[in-house]
Each structure stands twice: as structure tokens, then as C-alpha cells.
């Protein structure tokens, strides 16, 4: 996500991301407004720091870097000892990959801007990992398979892609970000990375991929976000 969900305030009290979007007049319209928010963000932060009766100024996205979100209060940590990625559903061969298995597969590097519907952007971020299309080829997509549903080990977040979208060369099961292993805070040790879409589509803490007969809207799509989330219109 991304980040893609809600942020935990110091002390553990969760603040829903949709509340922040509402403060900025965004909501589902954030997909349209996002490219225009960046320029005025620093001024908004400055004003919010001067008068902040809500106490939320510290949660507003920083245009110079990433923000870290989770839709749950806490997320378990996974390591090489206990991480697994399962691929099932409409496949010929269900697969389970350990972290070592994924590292042993051919790796692809994608460098692209990361953009969030909240308006923040980080330019030219390198991600490395296994092309999702390679994992689909290994499992074999069965007749009737038209989409993918993604599960996360936070136990709550989900995402989706069509089969055509998933087979793009810039869609990764990512193991590295900014030339280092993906940290827990960034959704590691394994996350989805969908370069041509807003960052909520790049599900963090990836644990499962199911091939489905139709698109099943993900966590934020069920709450009004675009099911595709293209950065620059339809592809």
C-alpha cells in the first residue's frame, strides 16, 4: 500500500487514511486531483503546523519521501525462516515459494516514479524482484483464469489485477527497493510492485496470489478507489 492505507499515530491510535483524504477534499476524486496537489503541499504543511487543532499535521504526507501506512493496528514480521508466498486458484500447479526460492529466480530491475493518491511522489525509485509473469508461467494459468487476487500477511489488505495487467514486464513480486532488501515498514520482505499504477495497487506484505475468473476489487477499491489506478490514464 503504499503507502496505501491508514497511518498509526505515536501511541498506537490508528487514523484512517480516508479521514486524511476527506480533510483535503479528496476521497475517490484523489486519483484525479493527485497530480495537482504536489505543488502546494509544502504551503499546506506550513499552515497546518501553525494552527493544528486536530493534532493531525504530523500525519500529512511529506512530498520529499514515502509515508508508511497500515489498515491494521500491527503487522507480524516475516523473515527468511518463516516467509511463504502461495500461488493457487485457477492454476495447473499450485506453488509455495520461500524467500530463498524467490531470490534464486531471475531478477528484474524496474526504475519508475512512485506516486500516491494523497499527492506525494518519489521520483525514479528502483525496485528489483521476480516478474509476476514468470511466476504465473511456472504455475500455469488454467482455463477460465482472467484476473489475480492478492492477499497480505497483515490479514486484511487485498488487491487485484487483470491477467493482462499482471503479465506486464513492469509488474514485480519485489524483493529489493532502493538497492536494499525491502524493509518491514515498506512492506517487506516481499511486496507487489505495479509500476504504471498508483501505489495503493502495490500491495505490501504479500503472502498469496490467487488466479480468479473475474476481478475481485481490493481493499481500497471496495471503498471507492479506481479498480485499475493507472497513473496516466488507461494503458
Protein backbone atom coordinates (compact mmCIF):
# COMPACT_ATOMS: atom_id res chain seq x y z
CA UNK A 1 0.00 0.00 0.00
CA UNK A 2 1.65 2.24 -0.18
CA UNK A 3 1.67 3.77 1.25
CA UNK A 4 -1.70 2.69 0.69
CA UNK A 5 -3.68 2.50 3.84
CA UNK A 6 -4.09 4.29 7.21
CA UNK A 7 -1.33 5.57 9.44
CA UNK A 8 -0.70 4.76 13.10
CA UNK A 9 -0.13 7.81 15.26
CA UNK A 10 2.50 7.71 18.01
CA UNK A 11 0.95 5.78 20.86
CA UNK A 12 -0.79 3.34 18.56
CA UNK A 13 -4.07 5.09 17.79
CA UNK A 14 -4.87 4.41 14.11
CA UNK A 15 -6.02 7.29 11.91
CA UNK A 16 -7.86 6.17 8.76
CA UNK A 17 -6.33 7.36 5.53
CA UNK A 18 -9.76 8.16 4.15
CA UNK A 19 -10.08 10.70 7.01
CA UNK A 20 -6.97 12.44 5.73
CA UNK A 21 -8.32 12.35 2.19
CA UNK A 22 -11.56 13.86 3.44
CA UNK A 23 -9.64 16.68 5.12
CA UNK A 24 -8.14 17.56 1.77
CA UNK A 25 -11.37 17.27 -0.19
CA UNK A 26 -10.15 14.15 -1.93
CA UNK A 27 -11.80 10.75 -1.41
CA UNK A 28 -12.26 8.90 -4.66
CA UNK A 29 -11.53 12.13 -6.54
CA UNK A 30 -7.97 11.88 -5.24
CA UNK A 31 -6.98 9.91 -8.30
CA UNK A 32 -7.84 12.92 -10.43
CA UNK A 33 -6.52 15.57 -8.06
CA UNK A 34 -3.26 13.88 -7.07
CA UNK A 35 -1.01 15.32 -9.80
CA UNK A 36 -2.05 18.85 -8.79
CA UNK A 37 -1.56 18.52 -5.03
CA UNK A 38 2.22 18.24 -5.04
CA UNK A 39 2.98 21.89 -5.82
CA UNK A 40 1.00 23.30 -2.90
CA UNK A 41 1.85 20.64 -0.34
CA UNK A 42 4.66 22.43 1.46
CA UNK A 43 2.50 25.51 1.96
CA UNK A 44 -0.28 23.35 3.39
CA UNK A 45 2.13 21.70 5.80
CA UNK A 46 3.45 25.07 6.93
CA UNK A 47 -0.05 26.38 7.65
CA UNK A 48 -1.07 23.17 9.40
CA UNK A 49 1.97 23.35 11.69
CA UNK A 50 0.96 26.87 12.81
CA UNK A 51 -2.68 26.10 13.59
CA UNK A 52 -3.49 22.42 14.13
CA UNK A 53 -6.48 21.86 16.43
CA UNK A 54 -6.82 18.26 15.19
CA UNK A 55 -3.28 17.18 16.01
CA UNK A 56 -3.03 15.60 12.56
CA UNK A 57 -0.45 17.90 10.95
CA UNK A 58 2.33 15.42 11.56
CA UNK A 59 0.44 12.81 9.54
CA UNK A 60 0.15 14.84 6.34
CA UNK A 61 2.29 13.31 3.58
CA UNK A 62 5.77 14.72 3.11
CA UNK A 63 6.35 15.44 -0.61
CA UNK A 64 10.02 14.62 -0.21
CA UNK A 65 9.61 10.97 0.73
CA UNK A 66 7.49 7.93 1.48
CA UNK A 67 4.73 7.66 4.05
CA UNK A 68 4.07 4.44 5.93
CA UNK A 69 0.55 3.11 6.38
CA UNK A 70 -1.31 0.04 7.56
CA UNK A 71 -5.01 -0.73 7.70
CA UNK A 72 -4.46 -2.80 10.85
CA UNK A 73 -3.03 -1.91 14.23
CA UNK A 74 0.05 -4.11 13.85
CA UNK A 75 1.58 -6.36 11.21
CA UNK A 76 3.59 -9.50 12.02
CA UNK A 77 7.18 -9.55 10.85
CA UNK A 78 8.35 -12.24 8.46
CA UNK A 79 11.88 -13.39 7.73
CA UNK A 80 13.65 -15.95 5.59
CA UNK A 81 12.86 -18.52 8.27
CA UNK A 82 9.07 -18.23 8.05
CA UNK A 83 8.09 -16.31 4.91
CA UNK A 84 5.99 -18.09 2.26
CA UNK A 85 4.27 -16.92 -0.91
CA UNK A 86 1.45 -19.15 -2.11
CA UNK A 87 0.08 -19.19 -5.65
CA UNK A 88 -3.20 -21.03 -6.16
CA UNK A 89 -6.69 -20.71 -7.61
CA UNK A 90 -7.19 -21.37 -11.31
CA UNK A 91 -3.69 -22.75 -11.92
CA UNK A 92 -2.36 -26.05 -13.21
CA UNK A 93 0.22 -26.34 -10.43
CA UNK A 94 -0.23 -24.62 -7.06
CA UNK A 95 3.09 -23.27 -5.81
CA UNK A 96 4.61 -22.20 -2.50
CA UNK A 97 7.80 -20.14 -2.55
CA UNK A 98 10.13 -19.42 0.34
CA UNK A 99 12.13 -16.22 0.39
CA UNK A 100 15.20 -18.18 -0.72
CA UNK A 101 13.21 -19.66 -3.62
CA UNK A 102 12.25 -16.18 -4.84
CA UNK A 103 15.82 -14.89 -4.58
CA UNK A 104 17.03 -17.85 -6.63
CA UNK A 105 14.81 -16.94 -9.60
CA UNK A 106 15.85 -14.49 -12.36
CA UNK A 107 15.61 -10.93 -11.07
CA UNK A 108 14.34 -7.87 -12.96
CA UNK A 109 15.03 -4.22 -12.11
CA UNK A 110 12.41 -1.53 -12.73
CA UNK A 111 13.02 2.18 -12.09
CA UNK A 112 9.91 4.34 -12.02
CA UNK A 113 8.33 7.23 -10.11
CA UNK A 114 6.19 6.20 -7.14
CA UNK A 115 3.01 8.25 -6.79
CA UNK A 116 0.29 8.13 -4.17
CA UNK A 117 -3.31 9.32 -4.40
CA UNK A 118 -2.56 11.56 -1.39
CA UNK A 119 -0.42 13.70 -3.68
CA UNK A 120 3.11 12.75 -2.68
CA UNK A 121 5.65 11.39 -5.15
CA UNK A 122 9.14 9.88 -5.02
CA UNK A 123 10.97 10.02 -8.33
CA UNK A 124 12.96 7.23 -10.01
CA UNK A 125 12.66 4.55 -7.33
CA UNK A 126 14.45 1.29 -8.22
CA UNK A 127 12.66 -1.97 -7.43
CA UNK A 128 14.05 -5.45 -8.06
CA UNK A 129 12.35 -8.82 -7.96
CA UNK A 130 10.73 -11.60 -9.92
CA UNK A 131 8.44 -10.71 -12.80
CA UNK A 132 4.93 -11.73 -11.84
CA UNK A 133 4.52 -13.19 -15.33
CA UNK A 134 7.34 -15.66 -14.61
CA UNK A 135 5.55 -16.95 -11.51
CA UNK A 136 2.31 -17.28 -13.48
CA UNK A 137 4.11 -19.25 -16.17
CA UNK A 138 5.57 -21.55 -13.51
CA UNK A 139 2.14 -22.23 -12.01
CA UNK A 140 0.33 -22.35 -15.36
CA UNK A 141 -2.88 -20.35 -15.68
CA UNK A 142 -5.82 -22.73 -16.12
CA UNK A 143 -8.75 -22.26 -18.45
CA UNK A 144 -11.02 -19.52 -17.17
CA UNK A 145 -8.29 -17.62 -15.36
CA UNK A 146 -8.76 -13.92 -16.10
CA UNK A 147 -7.56 -12.00 -13.05
CA UNK A 148 -5.46 -12.16 -9.90
CA UNK A 149 -6.33 -11.52 -6.28
CA UNK A 150 -3.53 -10.66 -3.83
CA UNK A 151 -3.54 -11.33 -0.09
CA UNK A 152 -1.22 -9.87 2.53
CA UNK A 153 0.06 -11.23 5.84
CA UNK A 154 -1.41 -8.27 7.71
CA UNK A 155 -4.58 -10.38 7.43
CA UNK A 156 -6.72 -7.61 5.92
CA UNK A 157 -5.33 -5.85 2.85
CA UNK A 158 -6.14 -7.19 -0.62
CA UNK A 159 -5.54 -6.08 -4.20
CA UNK A 160 -6.36 -7.19 -7.75
CA UNK A 161 -5.10 -7.07 -11.31
CA UNK A 162 -6.38 -8.41 -14.57
CA UNK A 163 -4.31 -11.20 -16.10
CA UNK A 164 -3.22 -8.84 -18.88
CA UNK A 165 -2.04 -6.24 -16.36
CA UNK A 166 -0.23 -8.87 -14.28
CA UNK A 167 1.77 -10.05 -17.28
CA UNK A 168 3.33 -6.63 -17.91
CA UNK A 169 7.12 -6.57 -17.70
CA UNK A 170 6.99 -3.74 -15.12
CA UNK A 171 4.92 -5.69 -12.58
CA UNK A 172 7.10 -7.41 -9.99
CA UNK A 173 6.99 -9.54 -6.91
CA UNK A 174 9.58 -7.25 -5.39
CA UNK A 175 12.37 -8.24 -3.01
CA UNK A 176 14.52 -5.09 -3.13
CA UNK A 177 13.77 -1.38 -3.12
CA UNK A 178 16.24 1.48 -3.45
CA UNK A 179 19.06 -1.07 -3.81
CA UNK A 180 18.42 -2.74 -0.46
CA UNK A 181 16.16 -5.53 0.85
CA UNK A 182 12.62 -4.25 1.35
CA UNK A 183 12.13 -3.38 4.99
CA UNK A 184 9.10 -4.35 7.04
CA UNK A 185 7.92 -0.72 7.04
CA UNK A 186 8.00 -0.68 3.24
CA UNK A 187 6.02 -3.93 3.06
CA UNK A 188 8.85 -6.46 3.15
CA UNK A 189 10.27 -8.88 2.88
CA UNK A 190 8.14 -9.24 -0.27
CA UNK A 191 5.65 -6.82 -1.79
CA UNK A 192 3.87 -6.36 -5.08
CA UNK A 193 5.14 -3.56 -7.30
CA UNK A 194 2.91 -2.31 -10.13
CA UNK A 195 4.98 0.47 -11.71
CA UNK A 196 2.33 2.05 -14.01
CA UNK A 197 -0.34 2.39 -11.30
CA UNK A 198 -0.85 4.43 -8.14
CA UNK A 199 0.98 2.97 -5.17
CA UNK A 200 -2.11 1.53 -3.45
CA UNK A 201 -2.04 -1.16 -6.16
CA UNK A 202 1.43 -2.27 -4.98
CA UNK A 203 0.26 -4.35 -2.04
CA UNK A 204 2.66 -4.61 0.89
CA UNK A 205 3.45 -7.74 2.95
CA UNK A 206 2.48 -10.04 0.08
CA UNK A 207 1.56 -13.57 1.11
CA UNK A 208 -0.79 -15.02 -1.52
CA UNK A 209 -1.69 -14.79 -5.21
CA UNK A 210 -4.87 -16.47 -6.47
CA UNK A 211 -5.84 -16.70 -10.12
CA UNK A 212 -9.56 -15.96 -10.40
CA UNK A 213 -12.27 -15.99 -13.06
CA UNK A 214 -13.01 -12.27 -12.56
CA UNK A 215 -11.58 -9.15 -10.98
CA UNK A 216 -12.27 -9.09 -7.24
CA UNK A 217 -11.98 -5.46 -6.02
CA UNK A 218 -9.29 -4.92 -3.42
CA UNK A 219 -9.43 -3.22 -0.03
CA UNK A 220 -9.44 0.37 -1.30
CA UNK A 221 -11.49 -0.38 -4.40
CA UNK A 222 -14.28 -1.54 -2.08
CA UNK A 223 -14.04 1.92 -0.53
CA UNK A 224 -14.34 3.89 -3.76
CA UNK A 225 -10.90 3.81 -5.39
CA UNK A 226 -10.43 3.05 -9.08
CA UNK A 227 -10.06 -0.69 -9.65
CA UNK A 228 -7.29 -0.05 -12.20
CA UNK A 229 -5.49 3.01 -10.82
CA UNK A 230 -3.43 3.91 -13.91
CA UNK A 231 -1.06 6.82 -13.31
CA UNK A 232 -1.60 8.42 -16.71
CA UNK A 233 -4.98 7.28 -17.92
CA UNK A 234 -5.77 3.90 -19.45
CA UNK A 235 -2.97 1.78 -20.89
